[in-house]
Amino acid sequence: MVDVSVYTLGIWLVHPGRENDFVQAWRDLARKTKEDFPNAKAVLMHDRDVKNRFISTGPWDSLEQIEQWRDSALFKQSVEAMKDMLEHFEARTLDEAASIGWDAADM
């Protein structure tokens, strides 16, 4: 079992009215990512207060794996295809500082 300590975070600000299109495009990216990275896990969350803001996050096996994914044609082409749906996109890489309530193996 891999000790998860590195995560990706995406902050997506979608043009109003394009939310459903964006969710479908994100699902497609996630599904294709899973084909290339079978251990990949991710969640897309919808901000209740800012209706066109979405947050995606997920654990990765290593920093190298994240770099490989972000350098891939799949990631670059998918984000490019979403461009007309987005007002803003911010990608971050995060190290775990603390956790409570779950074991990384459960993720």
PDB file of N, CA and C in Angstrom:
ATOM      1  N   MET A   1       0.835  -1.180   0.000  1.00  0.00           N
ATOM      2  CA  MET A   1       0.000   0.000   0.000  1.00  0.00           C
ATOM      3  C   MET A   1       0.881   1.246   0.000  1.00  0.00           C
ATOM      4  N   VAL A   2       0.521   2.231  -0.809  1.00  0.00           N
ATOM      5  CA  VAL A   2       1.286   3.464  -0.939  1.00  0.00           C
ATOM      6  C   VAL A   2       0.861   4.441   0.151  1.00  0.00           C
ATOM      7  N   ASP A   3       1.829   5.084   0.777  1.00  0.00           N
ATOM      8  CA  ASP A   3       1.537   6.106   1.768  1.00  0.00           C
ATOM      9  C   ASP A   3       1.289   7.415   1.015  1.00  0.00           C
ATOM     10  N   VAL A   4       0.041   7.815   0.938  1.00  0.00           N
ATOM     11  CA  VAL A   4      -0.341   8.994   0.167  1.00  0.00           C
ATOM     12  C   VAL A   4       0.076  10.251   0.915  1.00  0.00           C
ATOM     13  N   SER A   5       0.815  11.103   0.233  1.00  0.00           N
ATOM     14  CA  SER A   5       1.211  12.355   0.863  1.00  0.00           C
ATOM     15  C   SER A   5       1.243  13.520  -0.109  1.00  0.00           C
ATOM     16  N   VAL A   6       0.922  13.261  -1.372  1.00  0.00           N
ATOM     17  CA  VAL A   6       0.923  14.324  -2.366  1.00  0.00           C
ATOM     18  C   VAL A   6      -0.418  14.297  -3.118  1.00  0.00           C
ATOM     19  N   TYR A   7      -0.952  15.503  -3.351  1.00  0.00           N
ATOM     20  CA  TYR A   7      -2.275  15.651  -3.941  1.00  0.00           C
ATOM     21  C   TYR A   7      -2.235  16.691  -5.051  1.00  0.00           C
ATOM     22  N   THR A   8      -3.186  16.583  -5.947  1.00  0.00           N
ATOM     23  CA  THR A   8      -3.409  17.670  -6.890  1.00  0.00           C
ATOM     24  C   THR A   8      -4.665  18.412  -6.457  1.00  0.00           C
ATOM     25  N   LEU A   9      -4.698  19.689  -6.796  1.00  0.00           N
ATOM     26  CA  LEU A   9      -5.850  20.538  -6.527  1.00  0.00           C
ATOM     27  C   LEU A   9      -6.090  21.372  -7.766  1.00  0.00           C
ATOM     28  N   GLY A  10      -7.313  21.381  -8.231  1.00  0.00           N
ATOM     29  CA  GLY A  10      -7.686  22.238  -9.351  1.00  0.00           C
ATOM     30  C   GLY A  10      -8.795  23.168  -8.905  1.00  0.00           C
ATOM     31  N   ILE A  11      -8.663  24.438  -9.218  1.00  0.00           N
ATOM     32  CA  ILE A  11      -9.711  25.420  -8.962  1.00  0.00           C
ATOM     33  C   ILE A  11     -10.186  25.884 -10.330  1.00  0.00           C
ATOM     34  N   TRP A  12     -11.438  25.602 -10.601  1.00  0.00           N
ATOM     35  CA  TRP A  12     -12.022  25.831 -11.914  1.00  0.00           C
ATOM     36  C   TRP A  12     -13.148  26.854 -11.803  1.00  0.00           C
ATOM     37  N   LEU A  13     -13.045  27.970 -12.481  1.00  0.00           N
ATOM     38  CA  LEU A  13     -14.120  28.947 -12.537  1.00  0.00           C
ATOM     39  C   LEU A  13     -14.711  28.868 -13.938  1.00  0.00           C
ATOM     40  N   VAL A  14     -15.936  28.394 -13.998  1.00  0.00           N
ATOM     41  CA  VAL A  14     -16.600  28.067 -15.256  1.00  0.00           C
ATOM     42  C   VAL A  14     -17.508  29.221 -15.678  1.00  0.00           C
ATOM     43  N   HIS A  15     -17.588  29.483 -16.980  1.00  0.00           N
ATOM     44  CA  HIS A  15     -18.522  30.493 -17.462  1.00  0.00           C
ATOM     45  C   HIS A  15     -19.933  30.073 -17.058  1.00  0.00           C
ATOM     46  N   PRO A  16     -20.703  30.994 -16.478  1.00  0.00           N
ATOM     47  CA  PRO A  16     -22.075  30.661 -16.096  1.00  0.00           C
ATOM     48  C   PRO A  16     -22.849  30.058 -17.273  1.00  0.00           C
ATOM     49  N   GLY A  17     -23.593  29.009 -16.982  1.00  0.00           N
ATOM     50  CA  GLY A  17     -24.354  28.305 -18.017  1.00  0.00           C
ATOM     51  C   GLY A  17     -23.601  27.135 -18.630  1.00  0.00           C
ATOM     52  N   ARG A  18     -22.303  27.027 -18.371  1.00  0.00           N
ATOM     53  CA  ARG A  18     -21.494  25.946 -18.941  1.00  0.00           C
ATOM     54  C   ARG A  18     -21.163  24.867 -17.909  1.00  0.00           C
ATOM     55  N   GLU A  19     -21.775  24.941 -16.735  1.00  0.00           N
ATOM     56  CA  GLU A  19     -21.451  24.029 -15.640  1.00  0.00           C
ATOM     57  C   GLU A  19     -21.626  22.561 -16.022  1.00  0.00           C
ATOM     58  N   ASN A  20     -22.734  22.218 -16.634  1.00  0.00           N
ATOM     59  CA  ASN A  20     -22.975  20.813 -17.008  1.00  0.00           C
ATOM     60  C   ASN A  20     -21.968  20.325 -18.044  1.00  0.00           C
ATOM     61  N   ASP A  21     -21.649  21.186 -19.021  1.00  0.00           N
ATOM     62  CA  ASP A  21     -20.643  20.830 -20.024  1.00  0.00           C
ATOM     63  C   ASP A  21     -19.291  20.586 -19.360  1.00  0.00           C
ATOM     64  N   PHE A  22     -18.953  21.452 -18.408  1.00  0.00           N
ATOM     65  CA  PHE A  22     -17.684  21.305 -17.715  1.00  0.00           C
ATOM     66  C   PHE A  22     -17.621  19.993 -16.934  1.00  0.00           C
ATOM     67  N   VAL A  23     -18.671  19.689 -16.196  1.00  0.00           N
ATOM     68  CA  VAL A  23     -18.679  18.451 -15.401  1.00  0.00           C
ATOM     69  C   VAL A  23     -18.487  17.246 -16.317  1.00  0.00           C
ATOM     70  N   GLN A  24     -19.123  17.235 -17.461  1.00  0.00           N
ATOM     71  CA  GLN A  24     -18.954  16.116 -18.395  1.00  0.00           C
ATOM     72  C   GLN A  24     -17.517  16.055 -18.918  1.00  0.00           C
ATOM     73  N   ALA A  25     -16.948  17.201 -19.253  1.00  0.00           N
ATOM     74  CA  ALA A  25     -15.559  17.230 -19.742  1.00  0.00           C
ATOM     75  C   ALA A  25     -14.595  16.777 -18.648  1.00  0.00           C
ATOM     76  N   TRP A  26     -14.844  17.190 -17.406  1.00  0.00           N
ATOM     77  CA  TRP A  26     -13.989  16.761 -16.301  1.00  0.00           C
ATOM     78  C   TRP A  26     -14.098  15.255 -16.096  1.00  0.00           C
ATOM     79  N   ARG A  27     -15.312  14.726 -16.163  1.00  0.00           N
ATOM     80  CA  ARG A  27     -15.497  13.268 -16.034  1.00  0.00           C
ATOM     81  C   ARG A  27     -14.733  12.521 -17.124  1.00  0.00           C
ATOM     82  N   ASP A  28     -14.774  13.045 -18.346  1.00  0.00           N
ATOM     83  CA  ASP A  28     -14.045  12.402 -19.446  1.00  0.00           C
ATOM     84  C   ASP A  28     -12.543  12.393 -19.158  1.00  0.00           C
ATOM     85  N   LEU A  29     -12.023  13.522 -18.695  1.00  0.00           N
ATOM     86  CA  LEU A  29     -10.602  13.592 -18.348  1.00  0.00           C
ATOM     87  C   LEU A  29     -10.282  12.600 -17.228  1.00  0.00           C
ATOM     88  N   ALA A  30     -11.113  12.549 -16.210  1.00  0.00           N
ATOM     89  CA  ALA A  30     -10.872  11.644 -15.086  1.00  0.00           C
ATOM     90  C   ALA A  30     -10.909  10.180 -15.540  1.00  0.00           C
ATOM     91  N   ARG A  31     -11.861   9.838 -16.373  1.00  0.00           N
ATOM     92  CA  ARG A  31     -11.985   8.460 -16.870  1.00  0.00           C
ATOM     93  C   ARG A  31     -10.748   8.063 -17.686  1.00  0.00           C
ATOM     94  N   LYS A  32     -10.294   8.942 -18.554  1.00  0.00           N
ATOM     95  CA  LYS A  32      -9.108   8.653 -19.369  1.00  0.00           C
ATOM     96  C   LYS A  32      -7.840   8.628 -18.511  1.00  0.00           C
ATOM     97  N   THR A  33      -7.785   9.492 -17.510  1.00  0.00           N
ATOM     98  CA  THR A  33      -6.644   9.481 -16.589  1.00  0.00           C
ATOM     99  C   THR A  33      -6.562   8.134 -15.887  1.00  0.00           C
ATOM    100  N   LYS A  34      -7.707   7.605 -15.486  1.00  0.00           N
ATOM    101  CA  LYS A  34      -7.759   6.319 -14.787  1.00  0.00           C
ATOM    102  C   LYS A  34      -7.212   5.195 -15.665  1.00  0.00           C
ATOM    103  N   GLU A  35      -7.374   5.290 -16.978  1.00  0.00           N
ATOM    104  CA  GLU A  35      -6.827   4.282 -17.894  1.00  0.00           C
ATOM    105  C   GLU A  35      -5.298   4.281 -17.861  1.00  0.00           C
ATOM    106  N   ASP A  36      -4.707   5.472 -17.789  1.00  0.00           N
ATOM    107  CA  ASP A  36      -3.248   5.596 -17.784  1.00  0.00           C
ATOM    108  C   ASP A  36      -2.639   5.442 -16.389  1.00  0.00           C
ATOM    109  N   PHE A  37      -3.418   5.782 -15.369  1.00  0.00           N
ATOM    110  CA  PHE A  37      -2.962   5.718 -13.978  1.00  0.00           C
ATOM    111  C   PHE A  37      -4.023   4.980 -13.166  1.00  0.00           C
ATOM    112  N   PRO A  38      -3.990   3.653 -13.180  1.00  0.00           N
ATOM    113  CA  PRO A  38      -5.049   2.863 -12.551  1.00  0.00           C
ATOM    114  C   PRO A  38      -5.296   3.165 -11.069  1.00  0.00           C
ATOM    115  N   ASN A  39      -4.297   3.658 -10.350  1.00  0.00           N
ATOM    116  CA  ASN A  39      -4.479   3.980  -8.929  1.00  0.00           C
ATOM    117  C   ASN A  39      -5.045   5.380  -8.715  1.00  0.00           C
ATOM    118  N   ALA A  40      -5.245   6.124  -9.774  1.00  0.00           N
ATOM    119  CA  ALA A  40      -5.704   7.509  -9.650  1.00  0.00           C
ATOM    120  C   ALA A  40      -7.102   7.560  -9.042  1.00  0.00           C
ATOM    121  N   LYS A  41      -7.264   8.541  -8.160  1.00  0.00           N
ATOM    122  CA  LYS A  41      -8.563   8.815  -7.545  1.00  0.00           C
ATOM    123  C   LYS A  41      -8.742  10.317  -7.526  1.00  0.00           C
ATOM    124  N   ALA A  42      -9.964  10.754  -7.757  1.00  0.00           N
ATOM    125  CA  ALA A  42     -10.222  12.189  -7.766  1.00  0.00           C
ATOM    126  C   ALA A  42     -11.672  12.451  -7.427  1.00  0.00           C
ATOM    127  N   VAL A  43     -11.902  13.641  -6.958  1.00  0.00           N
ATOM    128  CA  VAL A  43     -13.261  14.087  -6.687  1.00  0.00           C
ATOM    129  C   VAL A  43     -13.398  15.508  -7.225  1.00  0.00           C
ATOM    130  N   LEU A  44     -14.563  15.787  -7.787  1.00  0.00           N
ATOM    131  CA  LEU A  44     -14.892  17.135  -8.254  1.00  0.00           C
ATOM    132  C   LEU A  44     -16.008  17.643  -7.355  1.00  0.00           C
ATOM    133  N   MET A  45     -15.764  18.789  -6.749  1.00  0.00           N
ATOM    134  CA  MET A  45     -16.747  19.379  -5.846  1.00  0.00           C
ATOM    135  C   MET A  45     -17.253  20.691  -6.417  1.00  0.00           C
ATOM    136  N   HIS A  46     -18.523  20.967  -6.156  1.00  0.00           N
ATOM    137  CA  HIS A  46     -19.187  22.169  -6.635  1.00  0.00           C
ATOM    138  C   HIS A  46     -19.377  23.111  -5.455  1.00  0.00           C
ATOM    139  N   ASP A  47     -18.906  24.327  -5.571  1.00  0.00           N
ATOM    140  CA  ASP A  47     -19.011  25.321  -4.508  1.00  0.00           C
ATOM    141  C   ASP A  47     -20.470  25.769  -4.364  1.00  0.00           C
ATOM    142  N   ARG A  48     -21.030  25.639  -3.190  1.00  0.00           N
ATOM    143  CA  ARG A  48     -22.422  26.037  -2.951  1.00  0.00           C
ATOM    144  C   ARG A  48     -22.609  27.546  -2.988  1.00  0.00           C
ATOM    145  N   ASP A  49     -21.570  28.296  -2.656  1.00  0.00           N
ATOM    146  CA  ASP A  49     -21.690  29.754  -2.583  1.00  0.00           C
ATOM    147  C   ASP A  49     -21.344  30.451  -3.892  1.00  0.00           C
ATOM    148  N   VAL A  50     -20.454  29.869  -4.657  1.00  0.00           N
ATOM    149  CA  VAL A  50     -20.066  30.430  -5.957  1.00  0.00           C
ATOM    150  C   VAL A  50     -20.445  29.372  -6.990  1.00  0.00           C
ATOM    151  N   LYS A  51     -21.606  29.536  -7.587  1.00  0.00           N
ATOM    152  CA  LYS A  51     -22.228  28.477  -8.394  1.00  0.00           C
ATOM    153  C   LYS A  51     -21.406  28.034  -9.597  1.00  0.00           C
ATOM    154  N   ASN A  52     -20.484  28.866 -10.043  1.00  0.00           N
ATOM    155  CA  ASN A  52     -19.686  28.472 -11.208  1.00  0.00           C
ATOM    156  C   ASN A  52     -18.250  28.092 -10.830  1.00  0.00           C
ATOM    157  N   ARG A  53     -18.007  27.836  -9.528  1.00  0.00           N
ATOM    158  CA  ARG A  53     -16.677  27.406  -9.092  1.00  0.00           C
ATOM    159  C   ARG A  53     -16.711  25.921  -8.714  1.00  0.00           C
ATOM    160  N   PHE A  54     -15.709  25.206  -9.211  1.00  0.00           N
ATOM    161  CA  PHE A  54     -15.532  23.797  -8.913  1.00  0.00           C
ATOM    162  C   PHE A  54     -14.119  23.599  -8.373  1.00  0.00           C
ATOM    163  N   ILE A  55     -13.979  22.624  -7.490  1.00  0.00           N
ATOM    164  CA  ILE A  55     -12.687  22.270  -6.923  1.00  0.00           C
ATOM    165  C   ILE A  55     -12.485  20.776  -7.162  1.00  0.00           C
ATOM    166  N   SER A  56     -11.353  20.418  -7.726  1.00  0.00           N
ATOM    167  CA  SER A  56     -11.026  19.000  -7.901  1.00  0.00           C
ATOM    168  C   SER A  56      -9.787  18.685  -7.079  1.00  0.00           C
ATOM    169  N   THR A  57      -9.754  17.488  -6.533  1.00  0.00           N
ATOM    170  CA  THR A  57      -8.596  17.074  -5.763  1.00  0.00           C
ATOM    171  C   THR A  57      -8.498  15.555  -5.763  1.00  0.00           C
ATOM    172  N   GLY A  58      -7.299  15.095  -5.517  1.00  0.00           N
ATOM    173  CA  GLY A  58      -7.088  13.661  -5.418  1.00  0.00           C
ATOM    174  C   GLY A  58      -5.665  13.340  -5.031  1.00  0.00           C
ATOM    175  N   PRO A  59      -5.490  12.183  -4.399  1.00  0.00           N
ATOM    176  CA  PRO A  59      -4.156  11.732  -3.995  1.00  0.00           C
ATOM    177  C   PRO A  59      -3.430  11.070  -5.167  1.00  0.00           C
ATOM    178  N   TRP A  60      -2.124  11.135  -5.134  1.00  0.00           N
ATOM    179  CA  TRP A  60      -1.285  10.490  -6.148  1.00  0.00           C
ATOM    180  C   TRP A  60      -0.213   9.668  -5.455  1.00  0.00           C
ATOM    181  N   ASP A  61       0.334   8.714  -6.194  1.00  0.00           N
ATOM    182  CA  ASP A  61       1.385   7.854  -5.651  1.00  0.00           C
ATOM    183  C   ASP A  61       2.701   8.588  -5.457  1.00  0.00           C
ATOM    184  N   SER A  62       2.957   9.610  -6.313  1.00  0.00           N
ATOM    185  CA  SER A  62       4.239  10.313  -6.233  1.00  0.00           C
ATOM    186  C   SER A  62       4.166  11.642  -6.981  1.00  0.00           C
ATOM    187  N   LEU A  63       5.096  12.511  -6.667  1.00  0.00           N
ATOM    188  CA  LEU A  63       5.226  13.768  -7.380  1.00  0.00           C
ATOM    189  C   LEU A  63       5.563  13.507  -8.850  1.00  0.00           C
ATOM    190  N   GLU A  64       6.390  12.506  -9.094  1.00  0.00           N
ATOM    191  CA  GLU A  64       6.763  12.164 -10.476  1.00  0.00           C
ATOM    192  C   GLU A  64       5.544  11.769 -11.298  1.00  0.00           C
ATOM    193  N   GLN A  65       4.623  11.066 -10.675  1.00  0.00           N
ATOM    194  CA  GLN A  65       3.408  10.656 -11.379  1.00  0.00           C
ATOM    195  C   GLN A  65       2.562  11.887 -11.752  1.00  0.00           C
ATOM    196  N   ILE A  66       2.469  12.839 -10.846  1.00  0.00           N
ATOM    197  CA  ILE A  66       1.730  14.073 -11.147  1.00  0.00           C
ATOM    198  C   ILE A  66       2.383  14.804 -12.307  1.00  0.00           C
ATOM    199  N   GLU A  67       3.692  14.911 -12.269  1.00  0.00           N
ATOM    200  CA  GLU A  67       4.406  15.595 -13.345  1.00  0.00           C
ATOM    201  C   GLU A  67       4.202  14.887 -14.673  1.00  0.00           C
ATOM    202  N   GLN A  68       4.244  13.569 -14.656  1.00  0.00           N
ATOM    203  CA  GLN A  68       4.010  12.789 -15.883  1.00  0.00           C
ATOM    204  C   GLN A  68       2.615  13.058 -16.417  1.00  0.00           C
ATOM    205  N   TRP A  69       1.616  13.082 -15.534  1.00  0.00           N
ATOM    206  CA  TRP A  69       0.233  13.323 -15.939  1.00  0.00           C
ATOM    207  C   TRP A  69       0.066  14.724 -16.514  1.00  0.00           C
ATOM    208  N   ARG A  70       0.586  15.728 -15.820  1.00  0.00           N
ATOM    209  CA  ARG A  70       0.427  17.102 -16.297  1.00  0.00           C
ATOM    210  C   ARG A  70       1.200  17.377 -17.580  1.00  0.00           C
ATOM    211  N   ASP A  71       2.264  16.605 -17.825  1.00  0.00           N
ATOM    212  CA  ASP A  71       3.023  16.749 -19.070  1.00  0.00           C
ATOM    213  C   ASP A  71       2.415  15.947 -20.222  1.00  0.00           C
ATOM    214  N   SER A  72       1.422  15.126 -19.919  1.00  0.00           N
ATOM    215  CA  SER A  72       0.852  14.238 -20.937  1.00  0.00           C
ATOM    216  C   SER A  72      -0.011  15.000 -21.938  1.00  0.00           C
ATOM    217  N   ALA A  73      -0.085  14.447 -23.130  1.00  0.00           N
ATOM    218  CA  ALA A  73      -0.957  15.007 -24.162  1.00  0.00           C
ATOM    219  C   ALA A  73      -2.409  14.985 -23.690  1.00  0.00           C
ATOM    220  N   LEU A  74      -2.803  13.941 -22.988  1.00  0.00           N
ATOM    221  CA  LEU A  74      -4.174  13.835 -22.480  1.00  0.00           C
ATOM    222  C   LEU A  74      -4.538  15.039 -21.624  1.00  0.00           C
ATOM    223  N   PHE A  75      -3.709  15.356 -20.634  1.00  0.00           N
ATOM    224  CA  PHE A  75      -4.001  16.476 -19.743  1.00  0.00           C
ATOM    225  C   PHE A  75      -4.020  17.792 -20.523  1.00  0.00           C
ATOM    226  N   LYS A  76      -2.992  18.021 -21.307  1.00  0.00           N
ATOM    227  CA  LYS A  76      -2.890  19.281 -22.039  1.00  0.00           C
ATOM    228  C   LYS A  76      -4.043  19.461 -23.024  1.00  0.00           C
ATOM    229  N   GLN A  77      -4.376  18.417 -23.766  1.00  0.00           N
ATOM    230  CA  GLN A  77      -5.474  18.502 -24.734  1.00  0.00           C
ATOM    231  C   GLN A  77      -6.821  18.668 -24.041  1.00  0.00           C
ATOM    232  N   SER A  78      -7.007  17.989 -22.919  1.00  0.00           N
ATOM    233  CA  SER A  78      -8.278  18.089 -22.195  1.00  0.00           C
ATOM    234  C   SER A  78      -8.492  19.492 -21.637  1.00  0.00           C
ATOM    235  N   VAL A  79      -7.462  20.057 -21.029  1.00  0.00           N
ATOM    236  CA  VAL A  79      -7.582  21.413 -20.488  1.00  0.00           C
ATOM    237  C   VAL A  79      -7.785  22.412 -21.629  1.00  0.00           C
ATOM    238  N   GLU A  80      -7.087  22.214 -22.715  1.00  0.00           N
ATOM    239  CA  GLU A  80      -7.263  23.095 -23.884  1.00  0.00           C
ATOM    240  C   GLU A  80      -8.697  23.023 -24.412  1.00  0.00           C
ATOM    241  N   ALA A  81      -9.271  21.817 -24.458  1.00  0.00           N
ATOM    242  CA  ALA A  81     -10.641  21.636 -24.940  1.00  0.00           C
ATOM    243  C   ALA A  81     -11.662  22.289 -24.001  1.00  0.00           C
ATOM    244  N   MET A  82     -11.321  22.405 -22.729  1.00  0.00           N
ATOM    245  CA  MET A  82     -12.220  23.029 -21.753  1.00  0.00           C
ATOM    246  C   MET A  82     -12.093  24.555 -21.741  1.00  0.00           C
ATOM    247  N   LYS A  83     -11.093  25.081 -22.395  1.00  0.00           N
ATOM    248  CA  LYS A  83     -10.764  26.500 -22.302  1.00  0.00           C
ATOM    249  C   LYS A  83     -11.953  27.426 -22.544  1.00  0.00           C
ATOM    250  N   ASP A  84     -12.783  27.110 -23.521  1.00  0.00           N
ATOM    251  CA  ASP A  84     -13.915  27.996 -23.824  1.00  0.00           C
ATOM    252  C   ASP A  84     -15.009  27.928 -22.757  1.00  0.00           C
ATOM    253  N   MET A  85     -14.928  26.964 -21.859  1.00  0.00           N
ATOM    254  CA  MET A  85     -15.886  26.846 -20.754  1.00  0.00           C
ATOM    255  C   MET A  85     -15.410  27.595 -19.512  1.00  0.00           C
ATOM    256  N   LEU A  86     -14.133  27.964 -19.501  1.00  0.00           N
ATOM    257  CA  LEU A  86     -13.514  28.448 -18.265  1.00  0.00           C
ATOM    258  C   LEU A  86     -13.220  29.942 -18.271  1.00  0.00           C
ATOM    259  N   GLU A  87     -13.480  30.563 -17.133  1.00  0.00           N
ATOM    260  CA  GLU A  87     -13.018  31.920 -16.890  1.00  0.00           C
ATOM    261  C   GLU A  87     -11.605  31.879 -16.324  1.00  0.00           C
ATOM    262  N   HIS A  88     -11.337  30.814 -15.532  1.00  0.00           N
ATOM    263  CA  HIS A  88     -10.042  30.706 -14.859  1.00  0.00           C
ATOM    264  C   HIS A  88      -9.810  29.256 -14.460  1.00  0.00           C
ATOM    265  N   PHE A  89      -8.554  28.831 -14.515  1.00  0.00           N
ATOM    266  CA  PHE A  89      -8.170  27.512 -14.022  1.00  0.00           C
ATOM    267  C   PHE A  89      -6.839  27.638 -13.318  1.00  0.00           C
ATOM    268  N   GLU A  90      -6.768  27.070 -12.130  1.00  0.00           N
ATOM    269  CA  GLU A  90      -5.547  27.094 -11.340  1.00  0.00           C
ATOM    270  C   GLU A  90      -5.229  25.671 -10.892  1.00  0.00           C
ATOM    271  N   ALA A  91      -4.038  25.197 -11.203  1.00  0.00           N
ATOM    272  CA  ALA A  91      -3.596  23.852 -10.814  1.00  0.00           C
ATOM    273  C   ALA A  91      -2.531  23.974  -9.733  1.00  0.00           C
ATOM    274  N   ARG A  92      -2.677  23.186  -8.698  1.00  0.00           N
ATOM    275  CA  ARG A  92      -1.732  23.198  -7.583  1.00  0.00           C
ATOM    276  C   ARG A  92      -1.319  21.774  -7.239  1.00  0.00           C
ATOM    277  N   THR A  93      -0.150  21.651  -6.636  1.00  0.00           N
ATOM    278  CA  THR A  93       0.341  20.390  -6.086  1.00  0.00           C
ATOM    279  C   THR A  93       0.534  20.615  -4.599  1.00  0.00           C
ATOM    280  N   LEU A  94      -0.043  19.733  -3.795  1.00  0.00           N
ATOM    281  CA  LEU A  94      -0.055  19.919  -2.349  1.00  0.00           C
ATOM    282  C   LEU A  94       0.561  18.729  -1.634  1.00  0.00           C
ATOM    283  N   ASP A  95       1.299  19.010  -0.590  1.00  0.00           N
ATOM    284  CA  ASP A  95       1.819  17.979   0.300  1.00  0.00           C
ATOM    285  C   ASP A  95       0.919  17.904   1.519  1.00  0.00           C
ATOM    286  N   GLU A  96       0.632  16.694   1.955  1.00  0.00           N
ATOM    287  CA  GLU A  96      -0.192  16.520   3.145  1.00  0.00           C
ATOM    288  C   GLU A  96       0.541  17.047   4.369  1.00  0.00           C
ATOM    289  N   ALA A  97      -0.152  17.865   5.154  1.00  0.00           N
ATOM    290  CA  ALA A  97       0.417  18.401   6.383  1.00  0.00           C
ATOM    291  C   ALA A  97      -0.154  17.702   7.608  1.00  0.00           C
ATOM    292  N   ALA A  98      -1.430  17.310   7.533  1.00  0.00           N
ATOM    293  CA  ALA A  98      -2.077  16.603   8.638  1.00  0.00           C
ATOM    294  C   ALA A  98      -3.379  16.018   8.116  1.00  0.00           C
ATOM    295  N   SER A  99      -3.884  15.014   8.778  1.00  0.00           N
ATOM    296  CA  SER A  99      -5.187  14.442   8.415  1.00  0.00           C
ATOM    297  C   SER A  99      -5.832  13.855   9.650  1.00  0.00           C
ATOM    298  N   ILE A 100      -7.125  13.703   9.570  1.00  0.00           N
ATOM    299  CA  ILE A 100      -7.884  13.101  10.663  1.00  0.00           C
ATOM    300  C   ILE A 100      -9.105  12.395  10.067  1.00  0.00           C
ATOM    301  N   GLY A 101      -9.451  11.280  10.613  1.00  0.00           N
ATOM    302  CA  GLY A 101     -10.698  10.645  10.228  1.00  0.00           C
ATOM    303  C   GLY A 101     -10.620   9.588   9.153  1.00  0.00           C
ATOM    304  N   TRP A 102      -9.484   9.426   8.507  1.00  0.00           N
ATOM    305  CA  TRP A 102      -9.347   8.356   7.545  1.00  0.00           C
ATOM    306  C   TRP A 102      -7.890   7.954   7.409  1.00  0.00           C
ATOM    307  N   ASP A 103      -7.737   6.745   6.956  1.00  0.00           N
ATOM    308  CA  ASP A 103      -6.410   6.211   6.669  1.00  0.00           C
ATOM    309  C   ASP A 103      -6.167   6.426   5.190  1.00  0.00           C
ATOM    310  N   ALA A 104      -4.993   6.854   4.806  1.00  0.00           N
ATOM    311  CA  ALA A 104      -4.677   7.070   3.392  1.00  0.00           C
ATOM    312  C   ALA A 104      -4.962   5.833   2.568  1.00  0.00           C
ATOM    313  N   ALA A 105      -4.835   4.662   3.139  1.00  0.00           N
ATOM    314  CA  ALA A 105      -5.113   3.421   2.413  1.00  0.00           C
ATOM    315  C   ALA A 105      -6.581   3.304   2.031  1.00  0.00           C
ATOM    316  N   ASP A 106      -7.469   4.022   2.716  1.00  0.00           N
ATOM    317  CA  ASP A 106      -8.891   3.966   2.428  1.00  0.00           C
ATOM    318  C   ASP A 106      -9.277   4.846   1.254  1.00  0.00           C
ATOM    319  N   MET A 107      -8.376   5.707   0.810  1.00  0.00           N
ATOM    320  CA  MET A 107      -8.722   6.684  -0.224  1.00  0.00           C
ATOM    321  C   MET A 107      -8.749   6.079  -1.583  1.00  0.00           C
TER     322      MET A 107
END
